[in-house]
Protein backbone atom coordinates (compact mmCIF):
# COMPACT_ATOMS: atom_id res chain seq x y z
CA UNK A 1 158.55 45.82 156.16
CA UNK A 2 157.02 49.24 156.47
CA UNK A 3 155.93 49.39 152.85
CA UNK A 4 154.59 45.87 152.99
CA UNK A 5 152.59 46.70 156.11
CA UNK A 6 151.13 49.78 154.43
CA UNK A 7 150.08 47.74 151.39
CA UNK A 8 148.39 45.12 153.55
CA UNK A 9 146.63 47.84 155.56
CA UNK A 10 145.51 49.54 152.36
CA UNK A 11 144.17 46.23 151.03
CA UNK A 12 142.23 45.61 154.24
CA UNK A 13 140.85 49.15 154.02
CA UNK A 14 139.58 48.53 150.49
CA UNK A 15 137.91 45.33 151.66
CA UNK A 16 136.21 47.19 154.52
CA UNK A 17 135.01 49.91 152.13
CA UNK A 18 133.55 47.31 149.78
CA UNK A 19 131.85 45.55 152.69
CA UNK A 20 130.34 48.85 153.94
CA UNK A 21 129.12 49.65 150.43
CA UNK A 22 127.47 46.25 150.10
CA UNK A 23 125.82 46.67 153.51
CA UNK A 24 124.60 50.13 152.55
CA UNK A 25 123.13 48.87 149.29
CA UNK A 26 121.49 45.97 151.07
CA UNK A 27 119.88 48.23 153.67
CA UNK A 28 118.50 50.75 151.18
CA UNK A 29 117.18 48.14 148.81
CA UNK A 30 115.59 45.95 151.50
CA UNK A 31 112.47 48.11 151.72
CA UNK A 32 112.12 48.24 147.92
CA UNK A 33 112.42 44.48 147.68
CA UNK A 34 109.84 44.01 150.43
CA UNK A 35 107.37 45.91 148.25
CA UNK A 36 107.99 43.45 145.41
CA UNK A 37 107.91 40.36 147.63
CA UNK A 38 104.12 40.60 147.93
CA UNK A 39 103.81 40.55 144.13
CA UNK A 40 106.25 37.65 143.82
CA UNK A 41 104.41 35.73 146.56
CA UNK A 42 101.25 36.06 144.49
CA UNK A 43 103.03 34.49 141.52
CA UNK A 44 104.31 31.65 143.71
CA UNK A 45 100.78 30.97 144.94
CA UNK A 46 99.58 30.66 141.37
CA UNK A 47 102.50 28.34 140.48
CA UNK A 48 101.75 26.08 143.49
CA UNK A 49 98.33 25.32 142.02
CA UNK A 50 99.96 23.80 138.95
CA UNK A 51 100.35 20.11 139.81
CA UNK A 52 100.58 18.58 136.34
CA UNK A 53 103.13 18.84 133.56
CA UNK A 54 101.34 19.87 130.37
CA UNK A 55 102.97 20.24 126.97
CA UNK A 56 101.03 22.06 124.28
CA UNK A 57 102.01 23.26 120.80
CA UNK A 58 102.51 27.00 120.75
CA UNK A 59 103.64 29.79 118.42
CA UNK A 60 107.23 31.05 118.57
CA UNK A 61 108.20 32.80 121.82
CA UNK A 62 107.46 36.47 122.29
CA UNK A 63 110.27 39.03 121.75
CA UNK A 64 112.83 38.95 124.57
CA UNK A 65 116.45 39.41 125.57
CA UNK A 66 118.69 38.15 128.39
CA UNK A 67 116.97 34.76 128.39
CA UNK A 68 118.83 31.45 128.44
CA UNK A 69 118.87 29.21 125.37
CA UNK A 70 120.34 25.75 125.98
CA UNK A 71 120.75 22.62 123.89
CA UNK A 72 119.21 19.43 125.31
CA UNK A 73 122.08 17.01 126.07
CA UNK A 74 120.19 13.96 124.75
CA UNK A 75 117.40 15.13 122.42
CA UNK A 76 117.15 17.36 119.36
CA UNK A 77 115.68 20.20 121.38
CA UNK A 78 116.56 23.74 122.40
CA UNK A 79 115.31 24.97 125.78
CA UNK A 80 114.42 28.66 126.17
CA UNK A 81 113.82 30.01 129.66
CA UNK A 82 112.92 33.42 131.05
CA UNK A 83 114.22 36.67 129.68
CA UNK A 84 113.00 40.23 129.76
CA UNK A 85 110.92 42.39 127.50
CA UNK A 86 110.86 45.78 129.15
CA UNK A 87 113.68 45.85 131.43
CA UNK A 88 117.87 37.71 133.47
CA UNK A 89 118.55 34.59 134.35
CA UNK A 90 121.51 32.31 133.83
CA UNK A 91 121.11 28.62 133.02
CA UNK A 92 123.56 25.71 132.88
CA UNK A 93 122.80 22.33 131.33
CA UNK A 94 124.15 19.22 133.08
CA UNK A 95 124.02 15.84 131.22
CA UNK A 96 122.84 13.63 134.07
CA UNK A 97 119.57 11.89 134.90
CA UNK A 98 118.17 12.51 131.44
CA UNK A 99 119.49 16.07 131.44
CA UNK A 100 119.17 18.96 133.89
CA UNK A 101 118.99 22.74 133.57
CA UNK A 102 120.28 24.66 136.59
CA UNK A 103 119.18 28.25 137.27
CA UNK A 104 120.54 30.63 139.90
CA UNK A 105 119.33 34.11 140.77
CA UNK A 106 118.16 36.69 138.30
CA UNK A 107 116.18 39.88 138.41
CA UNK A 108 112.51 40.81 138.56
CA UNK A 109 111.41 44.35 137.78
CA UNK A 110 108.22 46.05 138.84
CA UNK A 111 105.71 46.84 136.07
CA UNK A 112 106.85 50.48 135.99
CA UNK A 113 110.51 49.43 135.73
CA UNK A 114 111.48 51.53 138.75
CA UNK A 115 112.03 48.80 141.34
CA UNK A 116 114.15 45.65 141.14
CA UNK A 117 114.15 42.39 143.07
CA UNK A 118 117.27 40.21 142.82
CA UNK A 119 116.80 36.51 143.43
CA UNK A 120 119.31 34.26 145.22
CA UNK A 121 117.49 30.96 144.82
CA UNK A 122 118.72 27.84 143.01
CA UNK A 123 116.48 25.71 140.80
CA UNK A 124 116.90 22.62 138.65
CA UNK A 125 114.68 21.56 135.76
CA UNK A 126 114.65 17.78 135.29
CA UNK A 127 114.30 17.36 131.53
CA UNK A 128 113.23 13.72 131.73
CA UNK A 129 110.11 14.57 133.73
CA UNK A 130 109.79 18.29 132.77
CA UNK A 131 109.54 19.20 136.45
CA UNK A 132 111.14 22.01 138.49
CA UNK A 133 112.80 21.48 141.88
CA UNK A 134 114.06 24.21 144.19
CA UNK A 135 117.38 23.28 145.80
CA UNK A 136 117.74 24.92 149.21
CA UNK A 137 121.35 25.26 150.34
CA UNK A 138 122.80 27.92 152.68
CA UNK A 139 126.02 29.84 152.13
CA UNK A 140 125.38 30.71 148.50
CA UNK A 141 125.90 33.99 146.61
CA UNK A 142 123.89 37.08 147.48
CA UNK A 143 120.97 38.13 145.29
CA UNK A 144 122.16 39.33 141.88
CA UNK A 145 121.73 39.32 138.12
CA UNK A 146 124.14 39.61 135.22
CA UNK A 147 126.32 36.88 136.73
CA UNK A 148 127.75 33.94 134.78
CA UNK A 149 127.75 30.24 135.67
CA UNK A 150 129.32 27.16 134.05
CA UNK A 151 129.37 23.42 134.73
CA UNK A 152 132.91 22.32 135.71
CA UNK A 153 133.35 18.62 136.43
CA UNK A 154 130.85 17.91 139.24
CA UNK A 155 130.43 21.54 140.25
CA UNK A 156 128.70 24.72 139.14
CA UNK A 157 131.10 27.69 139.19
CA UNK A 158 129.52 31.16 139.46
CA UNK A 159 131.26 34.52 138.92
CA UNK A 160 130.38 38.20 139.17
CA UNK A 161 127.09 39.97 138.53
CA UNK A 162 125.49 43.07 140.06
CA UNK A 163 122.80 44.21 142.48
CA UNK A 164 120.87 47.39 141.81
CA UNK A 165 118.24 49.41 143.64
CA UNK A 166 116.70 52.75 142.76
CA UNK A 167 119.48 54.60 144.62
CA UNK A 168 122.59 52.42 144.59
CA UNK A 169 124.26 49.57 142.78
CA UNK A 170 127.20 47.24 143.35
CA UNK A 171 129.15 44.97 141.01
CA UNK A 172 130.75 41.71 142.12
CA UNK A 173 133.88 39.71 141.28
CA UNK A 174 133.42 36.92 143.81
CA UNK A 175 133.51 33.22 142.88
CA UNK A 176 131.26 30.48 144.27
CA UNK A 177 131.13 26.71 143.69
CA UNK A 178 128.09 24.45 144.08
CA UNK A 179 128.81 20.72 144.50
CA UNK A 180 126.38 18.58 142.46
CA UNK A 181 127.01 15.54 144.69
CA UNK A 182 126.63 17.10 148.15
CA UNK A 183 124.35 20.01 147.11
CA UNK A 184 126.46 22.50 149.09
CA UNK A 185 127.79 26.00 148.30
CA UNK A 186 131.35 27.13 148.99
CA UNK A 187 132.99 30.52 148.37
CA UNK A 188 136.29 30.28 146.54
CA UNK A 189 139.26 32.55 147.27
CA UNK A 190 141.58 32.21 144.27
CA UNK A 191 145.15 33.47 144.59
CA UNK A 192 146.58 35.98 142.13
CA UNK A 193 145.05 39.12 140.66
CA UNK A 194 141.62 38.46 139.20
CA UNK A 195 139.10 40.49 137.20
CA UNK A 196 137.63 43.68 138.61
CA UNK A 197 133.90 43.56 139.52
CA UNK A 198 131.69 43.22 136.45
CA UNK A 199 128.61 41.63 134.93
CA UNK A 200 127.71 40.21 131.53
CA UNK A 201 131.15 38.73 130.81
CA UNK A 202 132.14 35.66 128.81
CA UNK A 203 132.65 32.59 131.00
CA UNK A 204 133.55 29.27 129.37
CA UNK A 205 135.41 26.08 130.25
CA UNK A 206 138.47 25.28 128.12
CA UNK A 207 139.34 21.76 126.88
CA UNK A 208 142.28 21.88 129.32
CA UNK A 209 139.89 22.26 132.26
CA UNK A 210 140.44 25.94 133.06
CA UNK A 211 137.77 28.65 133.07
CA UNK A 212 138.10 31.76 130.86
CA UNK A 213 136.63 35.13 131.85
CA UNK A 214 136.53 37.79 129.12
CA UNK A 215 135.11 41.29 128.96
CA UNK A 216 131.96 42.41 130.70
CA UNK A 217 130.47 45.68 131.89
CA UNK A 218 130.50 47.76 135.06
CA UNK A 219 129.80 51.34 136.02
CA UNK A 220 130.84 53.70 138.74
CA UNK A 221 129.60 57.03 140.02
CA UNK A 222 131.84 59.93 139.00
CA UNK A 223 129.71 62.60 140.66
CA UNK A 224 126.19 63.03 141.98
CA UNK A 225 123.63 61.51 139.61
CA UNK A 226 126.34 60.90 136.98
CA UNK A 227 127.58 57.37 136.28
CA UNK A 228 130.26 56.25 133.85
CA UNK A 229 130.23 52.79 132.33
CA UNK A 230 133.26 50.64 131.50
CA UNK A 231 133.33 48.05 128.74
CA UNK A 232 136.02 45.60 129.80
CA UNK A 233 138.19 43.90 127.19
CA UNK A 234 140.62 42.00 129.44
CA UNK A 235 140.84 38.21 129.78
CA UNK A 236 141.62 36.01 132.78
CA UNK A 237 142.17 32.31 133.39
CA UNK A 238 140.77 30.65 136.52
CA UNK A 239 142.62 27.38 137.11
CA UNK A 240 142.23 24.70 139.76
CA UNK A 241 145.56 23.86 141.38
CA UNK A 242 146.62 20.24 141.05
CA UNK A 243 146.46 18.33 144.29
CA UNK A 244 144.84 21.25 146.07
CA UNK A 245 141.22 20.60 147.00
CA UNK A 246 139.30 23.81 146.42
CA UNK A 247 142.44 25.85 145.65
CA UNK A 248 142.24 28.07 142.57
CA UNK A 249 144.49 30.61 140.86
CA UNK A 250 143.78 33.70 138.74
CA UNK A 251 146.09 34.49 135.80
CA UNK A 252 145.71 37.37 133.37
CA UNK A 253 146.30 36.36 129.75
CA UNK A 254 146.74 38.39 126.57
CA UNK A 255 145.52 36.46 123.51
CA UNK A 256 146.81 37.20 120.02
CA UNK A 257 144.95 37.38 116.73
CA UNK A 258 141.97 39.44 115.53
CA UNK A 259 140.41 40.53 118.81
CA UNK A 260 136.83 41.77 119.15
CA UNK A 261 136.43 45.49 119.64
CA UNK A 262 135.44 46.56 123.20
CA UNK A 263 131.73 45.94 123.69
CA UNK A 264 129.05 44.82 126.12
CA UNK A 265 125.91 42.75 125.69
CA UNK A 266 127.64 40.18 123.48
CA UNK A 267 126.46 36.56 123.32
CA UNK A 268 128.57 33.45 123.85
CA UNK A 269 128.39 29.74 122.94
CA UNK A 270 130.83 26.84 122.55
CA UNK A 271 131.55 25.54 119.03
CA UNK A 272 131.95 21.83 118.17
CA UNK A 273 135.76 22.17 118.14
CA UNK A 274 135.67 23.48 121.74
CA UNK A 275 136.37 27.03 120.57
CA UNK A 276 134.34 29.80 122.18
CA UNK A 277 132.32 31.91 119.76
CA UNK A 278 131.20 35.47 120.42
CA UNK A 279 128.43 37.29 118.56
CA UNK A 280 127.34 40.91 118.36
CA UNK A 281 126.92 43.29 121.25
CA UNK A 282 126.98 47.06 121.51
CA UNK A 283 129.84 49.55 121.68
CA UNK A 284 128.70 52.52 123.73
CA UNK A 285 130.01 56.02 123.08
CA UNK A 286 129.41 57.69 126.42
CA UNK A 287 129.49 61.40 127.16
CA UNK A 288 128.63 63.09 130.44
CA UNK A 289 124.95 63.54 129.68
CA UNK A 290 124.35 61.23 126.73
CA UNK A 291 124.90 57.66 125.62
CA UNK A 292 124.92 56.37 122.05
CA UNK A 293 125.46 52.78 121.04
CA UNK A 294 126.83 51.18 117.88
CA UNK A 295 125.22 47.75 117.61
CA UNK A 296 127.18 44.86 116.06
CA UNK A 297 126.48 41.55 114.32
CA UNK A 298 130.02 40.24 113.82
CA UNK A 299 131.28 36.81 114.86
CA UNK A 300 134.56 35.86 116.60
CA UNK A 301 136.12 32.59 117.74
CA UNK A 302 138.52 32.13 120.66
CA UNK A 303 140.87 29.11 120.57
CA UNK A 304 142.02 28.45 124.15
CA UNK A 305 144.67 25.92 123.08
CA UNK A 306 146.38 28.59 120.93
CA UNK A 307 145.26 31.54 123.08
CA UNK A 308 144.20 33.30 119.90
CA UNK A 309 141.15 35.15 118.53
CA UNK A 310 139.85 34.59 115.00
CA UNK A 311 137.30 36.65 113.09
CA UNK A 312 134.42 34.52 111.80
CA UNK A 313 134.29 34.90 108.01
CA UNK A 314 131.38 33.46 106.03
CA UNK A 315 132.22 31.92 102.65
CA UNK A 316 128.85 32.71 101.09
CA UNK A 317 126.58 30.28 99.21
CA UNK A 318 128.14 28.16 96.50
CA UNK A 319 127.32 29.45 93.02
CA UNK A 320 126.43 26.07 91.59
CA UNK A 321 123.62 25.78 94.08
CA UNK A 322 122.04 28.94 92.69
CA UNK A 323 122.10 27.80 89.07
CA UNK A 324 119.01 26.32 87.54
CA UNK A 325 119.19 22.64 86.79
CA UNK A 326 116.91 22.48 83.77
CA UNK A 327 118.45 21.55 80.41
CA UNK A 328 119.46 24.04 77.75
CA UNK A 329 117.07 24.92 74.98
CA UNK A 330 118.24 24.15 71.46
CA UNK A 331 119.11 27.27 69.48
CA UNK A 332 119.23 27.57 65.68
CA UNK A 333 122.77 27.26 64.41
CA UNK A 334 124.50 30.63 64.15
CA UNK A 335 121.92 32.43 66.22
CA UNK A 336 124.39 33.29 68.98
CA UNK A 337 126.86 34.77 66.53
CA UNK A 338 124.27 36.96 64.85
CA UNK A 339 122.93 38.34 68.11
CA UNK A 340 126.28 38.85 69.79
CA UNK A 341 127.51 40.85 66.86
CA UNK A 342 124.31 42.85 66.38
CA UNK A 343 123.61 46.34 67.67
CA UNK A 344 120.83 45.01 69.88
CA UNK A 345 123.24 44.01 72.68
CA UNK A 346 122.79 46.41 75.63
CA UNK A 347 124.94 47.01 78.71
CA UNK A 348 123.38 46.87 82.20
CA UNK A 349 121.78 50.16 83.31
CA UNK A 350 122.98 51.71 86.56
CA UNK A 351 120.49 53.97 88.35
CA UNK A 352 121.86 56.28 91.07
CA UNK A 353 119.53 58.07 93.49
CA UNK A 354 120.29 60.25 96.50
CA UNK A 355 117.93 60.77 99.43
CA UNK A 356 118.65 63.45 102.05
CA UNK A 357 117.36 62.89 105.59
CA UNK A 358 116.26 65.72 107.87
CA UNK A 359 119.61 65.82 109.67
CA UNK A 360 121.50 66.19 106.41
CA UNK A 361 122.52 62.55 106.06
CA UNK A 362 122.84 61.70 102.37
CA UNK A 363 122.00 58.16 101.34
CA UNK A 364 123.12 57.10 97.87
CA UNK A 365 121.20 54.13 96.46
CA UNK A 366 122.67 52.37 93.45
CA UNK A 367 120.74 49.75 91.49
CA UNK A 368 122.04 47.84 88.49
CA UNK A 369 119.21 46.89 86.15
CA UNK A 370 119.97 44.07 83.76
CA UNK A 371 119.41 44.93 80.11
CA UNK A 372 116.36 43.37 78.49
CA UNK A 373 117.10 40.29 76.41
CA UNK A 374 116.99 40.83 72.62
CA UNK A 375 113.73 39.85 70.98
CA UNK A 376 113.43 36.18 70.15
CA UNK A 377 116.27 35.14 72.48
CA UNK A 378 115.20 33.47 75.73
CA UNK A 379 117.44 33.80 78.77
CA UNK A 380 119.74 30.85 79.24
CA UNK A 381 118.53 28.42 81.87
CA UNK A 382 122.07 27.99 83.15
CA UNK A 383 122.49 31.70 83.90
CA UNK A 384 121.53 33.25 87.19
CA UNK A 385 118.41 35.36 86.91
CA UNK A 386 118.50 38.97 88.15
CA UNK A 387 116.69 38.05 91.35
CA UNK A 388 119.27 35.37 92.11
CA UNK A 389 122.26 37.51 91.24
CA UNK A 390 121.03 40.41 93.36
CA UNK A 391 119.51 38.47 96.25
CA UNK A 392 120.35 40.22 99.55
CA UNK A 393 122.60 38.59 102.11
CA UNK A 394 120.64 36.97 104.92
CA UNK A 395 122.11 37.67 108.33
CA UNK A 396 120.92 38.71 111.79
CA UNK A 397 120.65 42.46 112.17
CA UNK A 398 123.05 44.15 114.62
CA UNK A 399 121.89 43.54 118.21
CA UNK A 400 122.90 42.93 121.80
CA UNK A 401 121.82 40.43 124.48
CA UNK A 402 120.77 37.76 121.99
CA UNK A 403 120.51 34.08 122.95
CA UNK A 404 122.90 31.49 121.43
CA UNK A 405 122.97 27.68 121.49
CA UNK A 406 124.88 25.06 119.48
CA UNK A 407 123.37 21.70 118.52
CA UNK A 408 124.74 19.20 115.97
CA UNK A 409 127.30 21.71 114.76
CA UNK A 410 124.70 24.39 114.08
CA UNK A 411 124.59 27.74 115.83
CA UNK A 412 121.11 28.99 116.71
CA UNK A 413 120.54 32.68 117.47
CA UNK A 414 117.31 34.03 118.92
CA UNK A 415 116.06 37.50 119.80
CA UNK A 416 117.96 40.31 121.47
CA UNK A 417 117.50 44.05 121.15
CA UNK A 418 118.74 47.19 119.44
CA UNK A 419 118.18 50.87 120.06
CA UNK A 420 117.29 53.75 117.77
CA UNK A 421 117.71 57.04 119.58
CA UNK A 422 115.81 56.75 122.86
CA UNK A 423 113.73 53.84 121.64
CA UNK A 424 114.38 50.14 122.19
CA UNK A 425 113.21 47.29 119.97
CA UNK A 426 113.06 43.75 121.34
CA UNK A 427 113.45 41.02 118.71
CA UNK A 428 111.98 37.55 118.27
CA UNK A 429 113.66 36.26 115.10
CA UNK A 430 115.53 32.94 114.89
CA UNK A 431 118.61 32.26 112.74
CA UNK A 432 120.81 29.24 112.12
CA UNK A 433 124.44 28.93 110.91
CA UNK A 434 126.22 25.69 110.00
CA UNK A 435 129.54 26.03 111.84
CA UNK A 436 131.17 23.28 109.77
CA UNK A 437 130.45 24.91 106.42
CA UNK A 438 130.45 28.59 107.53
CA UNK A 439 128.61 29.58 104.33
CA UNK A 440 125.58 31.68 105.23
CA UNK A 441 122.91 32.34 107.85
CA UNK A 442 119.45 30.83 107.44
CA UNK A 443 116.39 32.66 108.76
CA UNK A 444 114.14 30.10 110.50
CA UNK A 445 111.69 32.59 112.02
CA UNK A 446 111.67 36.11 110.62
CA UNK A 447 110.77 39.13 112.69
CA UNK A 448 107.35 40.53 111.97
CA UNK A 449 107.78 44.33 111.94
CA UNK A 450 104.22 44.75 113.22
CA UNK A 451 105.18 43.06 116.50
CA UNK A 452 107.93 45.59 117.20
CA UNK A 453 106.98 47.89 120.05
CA UNK A 454 108.90 50.70 121.66
CA UNK A 455 109.29 50.32 125.40
CA UNK A 456 108.24 53.89 126.01
CA UNK A 457 107.23 56.97 124.10
CA UNK A 458 110.26 59.02 123.19
CA UNK A 459 110.63 62.24 125.14
CA UNK A 460 113.50 63.52 123.05
CA UNK A 461 112.64 66.48 120.84
CA UNK A 462 115.53 65.61 118.58
CA UNK A 463 114.22 62.07 118.09
CA UNK A 464 110.68 63.28 117.51
CA UNK A 465 111.76 65.95 115.05
CA UNK A 466 113.81 63.40 113.15
CA UNK A 467 110.84 61.13 112.60
CA UNK A 468 108.53 64.02 111.71
CA UNK A 469 111.13 65.45 109.36
CA UNK A 470 111.53 62.10 107.63
CA UNK A 471 107.78 61.69 107.21
CA UNK A 472 106.84 65.29 106.38
CA UNK A 473 109.42 66.46 103.87
CA UNK A 474 108.99 69.66 101.90
CA UNK A 475 107.36 69.81 98.49
CA UNK A 476 110.52 71.10 96.80
CA UNK A 477 112.50 68.08 97.95
CA UNK A 478 109.77 65.74 96.81
CA UNK A 479 109.73 67.39 93.39
CA UNK A 480 113.46 66.89 93.05
CA UNK A 481 113.16 63.25 93.95
CA UNK A 482 110.30 62.70 91.56
CA UNK A 483 112.44 64.12 88.76
CA UNK A 484 115.27 61.74 89.60
CA UNK A 485 112.93 58.79 89.77
CA UNK A 486 111.60 59.18 86.22
CA UNK A 487 113.98 56.57 84.85
CA UNK A 488 113.89 54.20 87.79
CA UNK A 489 110.53 52.53 87.47
CA UNK A 490 112.11 49.26 86.45
CA UNK A 491 114.07 49.05 89.73
CA UNK A 492 111.20 49.72 92.13
CA UNK A 493 109.92 46.19 91.81
CA UNK A 494 112.58 45.13 94.30
CA UNK A 495 111.15 47.36 97.06
CA UNK A 496 108.17 46.31 99.22
CA UNK A 497 105.07 47.36 97.30
CA UNK A 498 102.44 49.70 98.72
CA UNK A 499 99.16 47.91 99.20
CA UNK A 500 95.99 49.45 97.75
CA UNK A 501 94.63 52.09 100.12
CA UNK A 502 97.52 51.66 102.55
CA UNK A 503 98.60 54.69 104.58
CA UNK A 504 102.24 55.49 105.31
CA UNK A 505 101.60 54.98 109.03
CA UNK A 506 100.78 51.34 108.21
CA UNK A 507 103.35 50.89 105.42
CA UNK A 508 106.40 51.95 107.48
CA UNK A 509 106.01 49.48 110.40
CA UNK A 510 105.34 46.67 107.93
CA UNK A 511 108.50 47.32 105.88
CA UNK A 512 110.81 49.16 108.29
CA UNK A 513 113.39 46.36 108.59
CA UNK A 514 113.86 46.34 104.82
CA UNK A 515 114.47 50.09 104.61
CA UNK A 516 116.79 50.06 107.65
CA UNK A 517 118.92 47.36 106.03
CA UNK A 518 118.93 49.28 102.73
CA UNK A 519 120.03 52.47 104.49
CA UNK A 520 122.67 50.60 106.49
CA UNK A 521 124.19 49.19 103.30
CA UNK A 522 124.21 52.62 101.65
CA UNK A 523 125.60 54.77 104.46
CA UNK A 524 129.25 55.10 105.38
CA UNK A 525 130.76 52.42 107.65
CA UNK A 526 130.40 53.24 111.33
CA UNK A 527 127.36 55.49 110.89
CA UNK A 528 125.27 55.94 114.02
CA UNK A 529 122.10 53.84 114.23
CA UNK A 530 120.03 56.99 114.69
CA UNK A 531 121.27 58.41 111.38
CA UNK A 532 120.61 55.10 109.65
CA UNK A 533 117.05 55.08 111.00
CA UNK A 534 116.40 58.62 109.81
CA UNK A 535 117.72 57.82 106.35
CA UNK A 536 115.62 54.65 106.24
CA UNK A 537 112.43 56.55 107.09
CA UNK A 538 113.23 59.24 104.53
CA UNK A 539 113.85 56.67 101.80
CA UNK A 540 110.69 54.76 102.66
CA UNK A 541 108.67 57.99 102.57
CA UNK A 542 110.08 58.97 99.19
CA UNK A 543 109.23 55.57 97.71
CA UNK A 544 105.75 55.63 99.28
CA UNK A 545 104.98 59.07 97.87
CA UNK A 546 106.20 58.09 94.41
CA UNK A 547 104.10 54.93 94.46
CA UNK A 548 101.02 56.86 95.54
């Protein structure tokens, strides 16, 4: 009895500490949020003047991350809402009344990115009329962002998230339910041991009617002004007890199979076979005073019925689709025998070139140049041309916080971000993958490198020196490269050409994605993104100088 009493007392003490921390955070952040309320009230005044629903054709959305991308339940449409460019929202689609999109909470940052306002309002977008309605109901979750919400039967179930001010932060692991019939909130108190507080986790409903929570991110203060982040890789099952109205149970589960590596910022959607798919994210390598991230673009599937992870493997395009369909040309009899036995047959030429970045990273670029066809012999129409045989694989670049949606068995991926050193690039490209065929990605909207902007000027000397070193290499190194390039002129046609009169400052932003991908393919697996970027800039500079 004594031990049990101590445990209960210790548990109550932890609850009191958490409550004090939440009260402390709320008090300190109240003044900061009051400063932002005036700005938000201005936005609400402008929105109130909009009394008509107007639909106009528009270009693709601007670069963003942490938005919501949802498939319309009745029409062939994808709905993109919110997001952030410098510094989220969570949406759930409900198939009723012509379709509804429900939004709770989210975060608004001041223009300087130093202050944050966390919403705790609930909105519904009626897709039939394209109109917003604010649903006012007391007893809901506190203001937060990074939470997750799913539609479960006739309820919305919300879990986790975080609240942050300039001084403090707090992560949540509470669970709330919103009844879609009575429009009322209720806080759930599941039995069992549940997930620790976190944000940005996977939250999906299984075909069996349970809710899966996987992964997520949280941080804690280890000493003054020093925080340490945790990338969670555990999985829990939240299950409603049969016959118990509002009674839920937490169970920790350990799935088998090829599990994703620990990461944060991954994206989640539900496949046509009710499996949960996970894409990308970032694996942070955190030291006391520095943080480096390895961005990912891999794909995983979780089968709840088997409690097993599967790695998503693409089959690649079918070869017969890449062959030309025109008929063969008639050759003189015996011509093939004469040419195949002649000395004019040449083997493909392999050109190897090494480029050294400022930090010593060596990038080896290999190109196989097909031998010229013997005179008088046209290339067979049934053979793949060199462009077809060497066409690069199309796939989304490594990123975190991208938006996913599935419609008609196709996975759509939009935007996200990646980092290079202290710089952050927000993306606006759109890709599609047929989940039934699992052959290859299709780029629907490509990212224009000229629209990429860094969120702030880098203040890292190391980062600045790396860029300057890649752009201003010594004459001796250039002379060595020019000597190696003497036999490679035939392969340069595959690189983005330098436009007449174009300066390197204009050439690099226009072609940077190409050189980054080339450097990523050539460097060792697991290389840091910063090293890849340096090598890409060095390679681009070498090619630019040779072309000039």
